[in-house]
């Protein structure tokens, strides 16, 4: 598991300093001590129907335990349209970051469940970076209890954060009638010489980035011509 801040809190509460050091290299522990604090990379695709682009979101934990995006990489999938200024304007950045956070947390819950279901066998191998030596330690009841407490708290924290993300960012599903309306507003704005993305956002009560996502989906569904790469 790589939700480092929360896991370290759980670790400190569960085991002593000596046991912490022994536990770092135990079987089933998916993080390495020197990796703590590195950003986590989560890939998402866009648009959801017939994806054209792969977006790698680099997630960082701030001092309050909240996620923030530290980098955002976009690459096209084979056969997709080239990335243009229109593509970048249309990207629903906030929605993609939220999706990346949700998928990351769901994966942390899954990892914790797997760790709790795993039968740990000894001996455990521990590594001392100062001496560059390895040693073995037995699996005892104290260690198993600490390990279980560690993963239970980690799972509880990830579940709580996942529920918060899902409750504040529920995604509404839209039918074809909605995207037909998106196309109607799009072409009406085009005819009037108005910014199409802004017109859709204002008419449908969306953020501008969300309007860009709806335009892309309408194009994928055939309601808007994919040859229309003009100003949004």
Protein backbone atom coordinates (compact mmCIF):
# COMPACT_ATOMS: atom_id res chain seq x y z
CA UNK A 1 0.00 0.00 0.00
CA UNK A 2 1.36 3.43 -0.84
CA UNK A 3 -0.85 5.91 1.01
CA UNK A 4 2.24 6.77 2.97
CA UNK A 5 1.10 9.41 5.46
CA UNK A 6 -1.91 7.47 6.77
CA UNK A 7 -0.03 4.19 6.84
CA UNK A 8 2.81 5.72 8.81
CA UNK A 9 0.33 7.01 11.40
CA UNK A 10 -1.12 3.51 11.65
CA UNK A 11 2.38 2.05 11.90
CA UNK A 12 3.40 4.39 14.72
CA UNK A 13 0.30 3.57 16.70
CA UNK A 14 0.53 -0.16 16.19
CA UNK A 15 4.15 -1.11 16.82
CA UNK A 16 7.27 -0.05 18.65
CA UNK A 17 10.33 1.41 16.95
CA UNK A 18 12.12 -1.93 17.02
CA UNK A 19 9.17 -3.80 15.55
CA UNK A 20 8.70 -1.08 12.93
CA UNK A 21 12.16 -1.64 11.61
CA UNK A 22 11.67 -5.40 11.49
CA UNK A 23 8.28 -5.03 9.82
CA UNK A 24 9.49 -2.83 6.97
CA UNK A 25 10.65 -5.75 4.85
CA UNK A 26 7.98 -8.28 5.86
CA UNK A 27 6.21 -10.35 3.26
CA UNK A 28 3.19 -8.60 1.86
CA UNK A 29 4.41 -5.09 2.66
CA UNK A 30 4.15 -3.42 -0.74
CA UNK A 31 6.04 -0.20 0.02
CA UNK A 32 9.71 0.45 0.63
CA UNK A 33 10.83 2.91 3.35
CA UNK A 34 12.79 5.10 0.94
CA UNK A 35 9.71 5.56 -1.26
CA UNK A 36 7.71 7.45 1.37
CA UNK A 37 6.65 10.88 0.14
CA UNK A 38 6.87 10.17 -3.58
CA UNK A 39 3.84 11.11 -5.70
CA UNK A 40 1.51 8.34 -6.85
CA UNK A 41 0.70 8.07 -10.56
CA UNK A 42 -2.82 7.06 -11.58
CA UNK A 43 -3.84 6.63 -15.22
CA UNK A 44 -7.31 7.49 -16.52
CA UNK A 45 -8.68 7.71 -20.07
CA UNK A 46 -10.78 10.32 -21.85
CA UNK A 47 -13.38 10.42 -23.30
CA UNK A 48 -14.93 7.40 -21.57
CA UNK A 49 -16.62 6.16 -24.72
CA UNK A 50 -14.03 5.33 -27.38
CA UNK A 51 -11.05 6.76 -25.42
CA UNK A 52 -8.71 8.99 -27.39
CA UNK A 53 -6.24 10.00 -24.72
CA UNK A 54 -4.48 8.51 -21.70
CA UNK A 55 -4.02 10.92 -18.83
CA UNK A 56 -1.45 10.23 -16.12
CA UNK A 57 -2.29 12.14 -12.95
CA UNK A 58 0.49 12.55 -10.37
CA UNK A 59 -1.12 12.70 -6.94
CA UNK A 60 0.58 14.25 -3.94
CA UNK A 61 -0.54 14.31 -0.31
CA UNK A 62 -0.49 17.74 1.33
CA UNK A 63 0.12 18.37 5.02
CA UNK A 64 -3.58 17.90 5.87
CA UNK A 65 -3.75 14.52 4.15
CA UNK A 66 -5.65 15.81 1.13
CA UNK A 67 -4.70 14.96 -2.42
CA UNK A 68 -3.46 17.49 -4.92
CA UNK A 69 -2.26 17.12 -8.48
CA UNK A 70 1.46 17.78 -8.94
CA UNK A 71 1.66 16.82 -12.63
CA UNK A 72 -0.69 15.98 -15.46
CA UNK A 73 0.53 14.13 -18.57
CA UNK A 74 -1.57 13.58 -21.70
CA UNK A 75 -0.78 11.10 -24.48
CA UNK A 76 -2.97 9.86 -27.31
CA UNK A 77 -3.86 6.23 -27.77
CA UNK A 78 -2.97 4.53 -31.09
CA UNK A 79 -5.19 5.79 -33.89
CA UNK A 80 -6.45 8.81 -31.95
CA UNK A 81 -6.47 12.39 -33.19
CA UNK A 82 -3.34 14.42 -32.59
CA UNK A 83 -3.26 16.52 -29.44
CA UNK A 84 -4.12 20.10 -30.26
CA UNK A 85 -4.92 23.31 -28.39
CA UNK A 86 -8.58 22.36 -28.73
CA UNK A 87 -7.87 19.01 -27.06
CA UNK A 88 -6.21 20.73 -24.11
CA UNK A 89 -9.03 23.27 -23.76
CA UNK A 90 -11.63 20.48 -23.83
CA UNK A 91 -9.95 18.31 -21.20
CA UNK A 92 -12.11 18.17 -18.04
CA UNK A 93 -9.10 18.50 -15.76
CA UNK A 94 -10.96 18.62 -12.43
CA UNK A 95 -13.08 15.59 -13.29
CA UNK A 96 -10.05 13.58 -14.38
CA UNK A 97 -8.16 14.43 -11.20
CA UNK A 98 -11.19 13.44 -9.09
CA UNK A 99 -11.49 10.16 -10.98
CA UNK A 100 -7.78 9.44 -10.45
CA UNK A 101 -8.12 10.07 -6.70
CA UNK A 102 -11.17 7.81 -6.50
CA UNK A 103 -9.48 4.98 -8.40
CA UNK A 104 -6.33 5.31 -6.31
CA UNK A 105 -8.22 5.10 -3.01
CA UNK A 106 -10.29 2.14 -4.22
CA UNK A 107 -7.04 0.36 -5.05
CA UNK A 108 -5.68 1.08 -1.56
CA UNK A 109 -8.78 -0.53 -0.01
CA UNK A 110 -8.27 -3.56 -2.25
CA UNK A 111 -4.60 -3.85 -1.26
CA UNK A 112 -5.45 -3.66 2.44
CA UNK A 113 -8.12 -6.36 2.04
CA UNK A 114 -5.57 -8.60 0.31
CA UNK A 115 -2.99 -8.01 3.06
CA UNK A 116 -5.51 -8.84 5.79
CA UNK A 117 -6.53 -12.05 4.01
CA UNK A 118 -2.92 -13.13 3.46
CA UNK A 119 -1.34 -15.79 5.64
CA UNK A 120 2.08 -14.50 6.68
CA UNK A 121 4.81 -17.08 7.00
CA UNK A 122 8.24 -16.59 8.54
CA UNK A 123 10.98 -15.98 8.90
CA UNK A 124 10.88 -12.31 7.98
CA UNK A 125 13.85 -10.73 6.23
CA UNK A 126 14.93 -7.30 7.44
CA UNK A 127 17.49 -5.07 5.81
CA UNK A 128 19.78 -2.61 7.57
CA UNK A 129 20.70 0.16 5.12
CA UNK A 130 23.45 1.45 7.42
CA UNK A 131 25.38 -1.84 7.37
CA UNK A 132 23.99 -3.21 4.09
CA UNK A 133 23.20 -6.46 5.89
CA UNK A 134 20.16 -8.72 6.05
CA UNK A 135 18.90 -10.72 8.99
CA UNK A 136 15.92 -12.92 9.78
CA UNK A 137 13.27 -12.59 12.48
CA UNK A 138 10.49 -15.04 13.44
CA UNK A 139 6.79 -14.35 13.01
CA UNK A 140 5.30 -14.13 16.50
CA UNK A 141 1.86 -13.26 17.87
CA UNK A 142 2.90 -9.72 18.74
CA UNK A 143 4.06 -9.08 15.20
CA UNK A 144 0.90 -10.55 13.65
CA UNK A 145 -1.31 -8.45 15.93
CA UNK A 146 0.62 -5.29 15.03
CA UNK A 147 0.48 -6.11 11.33
CA UNK A 148 -3.28 -6.68 11.44
CA UNK A 149 -3.87 -3.43 13.34
CA UNK A 150 -1.68 -1.62 10.81
CA UNK A 151 -3.66 -2.83 7.80
CA UNK A 152 -7.06 -2.47 9.45
CA UNK A 153 -6.46 1.19 10.22
CA UNK A 154 -5.00 1.76 6.75
CA UNK A 155 -8.12 0.19 5.19
CA UNK A 156 -10.46 2.22 7.40
CA UNK A 157 -8.71 5.47 6.49
CA UNK A 158 -8.79 4.68 2.75
CA UNK A 159 -12.47 3.69 2.92
CA UNK A 160 -13.39 6.87 4.75
CA UNK A 161 -11.57 9.04 2.24
CA UNK A 162 -13.07 7.10 -0.66
CA UNK A 163 -16.59 7.65 0.70
CA UNK A 164 -15.86 11.37 1.04
CA UNK A 165 -14.62 11.60 -2.54
CA UNK A 166 -17.61 9.70 -3.89
CA UNK A 167 -20.13 11.70 -1.87
CA UNK A 168 -18.74 15.05 -3.05
CA UNK A 169 -18.10 14.06 -6.65
CA UNK A 170 -20.93 11.80 -7.75
CA UNK A 171 -21.04 11.54 -11.50
CA UNK A 172 -24.37 11.99 -13.18
CA UNK A 173 -25.22 9.72 -16.11
CA UNK A 174 -26.49 11.34 -19.32
CA UNK A 175 -28.57 9.83 -22.11
CA UNK A 176 -28.40 10.51 -25.84
CA UNK A 177 -31.07 13.20 -25.58
CA UNK A 178 -28.70 15.21 -23.42
CA UNK A 179 -25.88 15.01 -25.95
CA UNK A 180 -28.26 15.92 -28.77
CA UNK A 181 -29.00 19.07 -26.77
CA UNK A 182 -25.27 19.64 -26.37
CA UNK A 183 -24.92 19.45 -30.16
CA UNK A 184 -27.83 21.82 -30.70
CA UNK A 185 -26.29 24.46 -28.41
CA UNK A 186 -22.89 23.83 -29.97
CA UNK A 187 -24.04 24.54 -33.53
CA UNK A 188 -26.22 27.43 -32.44
CA UNK A 189 -23.23 29.06 -30.76
CA UNK A 190 -21.10 28.31 -33.81
CA UNK A 191 -23.65 30.01 -36.05
CA UNK A 192 -23.79 33.06 -33.78
CA UNK A 193 -20.01 33.30 -33.47
CA UNK A 194 -20.03 32.66 -29.70
CA UNK A 195 -17.57 30.42 -27.79
CA UNK A 196 -19.24 27.02 -27.98
CA UNK A 197 -17.85 25.54 -24.77
CA UNK A 198 -18.88 28.59 -22.76
CA UNK A 199 -22.35 28.57 -24.31
CA UNK A 200 -22.89 24.93 -23.33
CA UNK A 201 -21.59 25.49 -19.81
CA UNK A 202 -23.94 28.43 -19.27
CA UNK A 203 -26.98 26.76 -20.86
CA UNK A 204 -26.64 23.47 -18.98
CA UNK A 205 -25.21 24.69 -15.68
CA UNK A 206 -21.83 22.99 -16.13
CA UNK A 207 -18.28 24.05 -15.48
CA UNK A 208 -16.39 24.96 -18.63
CA UNK A 209 -14.18 21.88 -18.30
CA UNK A 210 -17.24 19.65 -17.88
CA UNK A 211 -18.79 21.26 -20.95
CA UNK A 212 -15.63 20.31 -22.86
CA UNK A 213 -16.04 16.71 -21.76
CA UNK A 214 -19.67 16.72 -22.95
CA UNK A 215 -18.61 18.14 -26.31
CA UNK A 216 -16.07 15.33 -26.71
CA UNK A 217 -18.68 12.70 -25.82
CA UNK A 218 -21.17 14.26 -28.25
CA UNK A 219 -18.50 13.99 -30.94
CA UNK A 220 -17.86 10.35 -30.07
CA UNK A 221 -21.59 9.64 -30.31
CA UNK A 222 -21.79 11.29 -33.72
CA UNK A 223 -23.93 14.28 -32.72
CA UNK A 224 -21.08 16.71 -33.48
CA UNK A 225 -18.75 16.26 -36.43
CA UNK A 226 -15.28 15.11 -35.39
CA UNK A 227 -13.90 17.26 -38.23
CA UNK A 228 -15.01 20.36 -36.37
CA UNK A 229 -11.83 21.37 -34.50
CA UNK A 230 -12.55 25.06 -34.46
CA UNK A 231 -12.50 27.46 -31.55
CA UNK A 232 -14.62 26.35 -28.59
